[in-house]
Structures are given as C-alpha cells and as structure tokens.
Amino acid sequence: MIDLTWKLFSQTGNIETYLLYKELEHETRQGEYRKESIEESTIETNL
C-alpha cells in the first residue's frame, strides 16, 4: 500500500497523496517499534 501511494504521488505531485504516504510511513514505523519492543520483552521474560 505504501509503495502504491508513493508511486501515485510521484506521478501526480498531489500533496494530499504525499501526506497520506507520510502517515502510512509513520504508522509502519510505529508498528515495527512495537513489534521490536514486544520481542525484546518476550526475550527478557524468558531469561
């Protein structure tokens, strides 16, 4: 989805599409941080 949004922005230059892309990018990063945090917590708990 994020790649499609970027491609659409790069072809159209639509600022709303760019803002959607940035929002999706931010949400993706937040999800990755949460996943890493959960994995670290699980590892520490198992020690």
N, C-alpha and C. Protein backbone atom coordinates (compact mmCIF):
# COMPACT_ATOMS: atom_id res chain seq x y z
N MET A 1 0.82 -1.19 0.00
CA MET A 1 0.00 0.00 0.00
C MET A 1 0.87 1.26 0.00
N ILE A 2 1.91 1.25 0.80
CA ILE A 2 2.76 2.43 0.91
C ILE A 2 3.49 2.69 -0.41
N ASP A 3 3.91 1.61 -1.08
CA ASP A 3 4.59 1.76 -2.37
C ASP A 3 3.65 2.33 -3.43
N LEU A 4 2.42 1.86 -3.40
CA LEU A 4 1.43 2.36 -4.34
C LEU A 4 1.16 3.84 -4.11
N THR A 5 1.07 4.23 -2.85
CA THR A 5 0.85 5.63 -2.51
C THR A 5 1.99 6.51 -3.00
N TRP A 6 3.23 6.03 -2.81
CA TRP A 6 4.39 6.81 -3.27
C TRP A 6 4.38 6.93 -4.79
N LYS A 7 4.08 5.83 -5.46
CA LYS A 7 4.05 5.84 -6.93
C LYS A 7 3.00 6.84 -7.43
N LEU A 8 1.83 6.82 -6.81
CA LEU A 8 0.77 7.75 -7.20
C LEU A 8 1.22 9.20 -6.98
N PHE A 9 1.85 9.47 -5.83
CA PHE A 9 2.34 10.82 -5.57
C PHE A 9 3.39 11.23 -6.59
N SER A 10 4.33 10.34 -6.88
CA SER A 10 5.41 10.70 -7.79
C SER A 10 4.89 10.98 -9.20
N GLN A 11 3.78 10.35 -9.56
CA GLN A 11 3.21 10.58 -10.88
C GLN A 11 2.32 11.81 -10.94
N THR A 12 1.67 12.14 -9.82
CA THR A 12 0.69 13.23 -9.84
C THR A 12 1.18 14.51 -9.16
N GLY A 13 2.06 14.36 -8.17
CA GLY A 13 2.50 15.51 -7.39
C GLY A 13 1.44 16.02 -6.43
N ASN A 14 0.41 15.22 -6.21
CA ASN A 14 -0.69 15.61 -5.33
C ASN A 14 -0.21 15.62 -3.88
N ILE A 15 -0.33 16.78 -3.22
CA ILE A 15 0.17 16.92 -1.85
C ILE A 15 -0.62 16.06 -0.87
N GLU A 16 -1.91 15.87 -1.11
CA GLU A 16 -2.71 15.03 -0.22
C GLU A 16 -2.25 13.58 -0.28
N THR A 17 -1.84 13.14 -1.44
CA THR A 17 -1.30 11.78 -1.59
C THR A 17 0.02 11.66 -0.85
N TYR A 18 0.83 12.72 -0.90
CA TYR A 18 2.10 12.72 -0.17
C TYR A 18 1.85 12.65 1.34
N LEU A 19 0.89 13.41 1.81
CA LEU A 19 0.58 13.40 3.24
C LEU A 19 0.06 12.03 3.67
N LEU A 20 -0.73 11.38 2.83
CA LEU A 20 -1.18 10.02 3.11
C LEU A 20 0.02 9.08 3.17
N TYR A 21 0.94 9.24 2.23
CA TYR A 21 2.16 8.42 2.22
C TYR A 21 2.93 8.58 3.54
N LYS A 22 3.10 9.81 3.99
CA LYS A 22 3.85 10.07 5.22
C LYS A 22 3.13 9.46 6.43
N GLU A 23 1.81 9.54 6.43
CA GLU A 23 1.04 8.95 7.52
C GLU A 23 1.21 7.43 7.55
N LEU A 24 1.14 6.80 6.39
CA LEU A 24 1.33 5.36 6.31
C LEU A 24 2.74 4.97 6.73
N GLU A 25 3.71 5.77 6.31
CA GLU A 25 5.10 5.51 6.67
C GLU A 25 5.28 5.58 8.19
N HIS A 26 4.68 6.58 8.80
CA HIS A 26 4.77 6.75 10.26
C HIS A 26 4.12 5.56 10.98
N GLU A 27 2.94 5.15 10.52
CA GLU A 27 2.26 4.02 11.14
C GLU A 27 3.06 2.74 10.99
N THR A 28 3.71 2.58 9.86
CA THR A 28 4.55 1.40 9.63
C THR A 28 5.71 1.38 10.60
N ARG A 29 6.35 2.51 10.78
CA ARG A 29 7.47 2.59 11.74
C ARG A 29 7.00 2.30 13.15
N GLN A 30 5.85 2.88 13.54
CA GLN A 30 5.34 2.66 14.89
C GLN A 30 5.06 1.17 15.11
N GLY A 31 4.52 0.51 14.11
CA GLY A 31 4.25 -0.92 14.21
C GLY A 31 5.53 -1.72 14.36
N GLU A 32 6.58 -1.31 13.65
CA GLU A 32 7.88 -2.00 13.76
C GLU A 32 8.47 -1.81 15.15
N TYR A 33 8.37 -0.60 15.70
CA TYR A 33 8.90 -0.34 17.03
C TYR A 33 8.15 -1.16 18.07
N ARG A 34 6.82 -1.23 17.93
CA ARG A 34 6.03 -2.02 18.87
C ARG A 34 6.41 -3.49 18.79
N LYS A 35 6.58 -3.99 17.57
CA LYS A 35 6.94 -5.39 17.38
C LYS A 35 8.29 -5.68 18.03
N GLU A 36 9.27 -4.80 17.82
CA GLU A 36 10.59 -4.99 18.42
C GLU A 36 10.50 -4.96 19.94
N SER A 37 9.70 -4.05 20.46
CA SER A 37 9.54 -3.93 21.91
C SER A 37 8.93 -5.19 22.50
N ILE A 38 7.92 -5.73 21.83
CA ILE A 38 7.28 -6.96 22.31
C ILE A 38 8.28 -8.12 22.25
N GLU A 39 9.05 -8.19 21.17
CA GLU A 39 10.03 -9.27 21.05
C GLU A 39 11.10 -9.16 22.14
N GLU A 40 11.55 -7.95 22.44
CA GLU A 40 12.56 -7.76 23.49
C GLU A 40 11.99 -8.14 24.85
N SER A 41 10.74 -7.77 25.09
CA SER A 41 10.10 -8.11 26.35
C SER A 41 9.97 -9.62 26.51
N THR A 42 9.63 -10.29 25.44
CA THR A 42 9.49 -11.75 25.47
C THR A 42 10.82 -12.41 25.75
N ILE A 43 11.88 -11.93 25.13
CA ILE A 43 13.21 -12.48 25.34
C ILE A 43 13.64 -12.28 26.79
N GLU A 44 13.42 -11.07 27.33
CA GLU A 44 13.81 -10.78 28.71
C GLU A 44 13.01 -11.64 29.69
N THR A 45 11.75 -11.86 29.40
CA THR A 45 10.91 -12.66 30.28
C THR A 45 11.36 -14.12 30.28
N ASN A 46 11.81 -14.59 29.14
CA ASN A 46 12.25 -15.99 29.04
C ASN A 46 13.61 -16.23 29.68
N LEU A 47 14.35 -15.19 29.98
CA LEU A 47 15.68 -15.37 30.59
C LEU A 47 15.49 -15.65 32.02
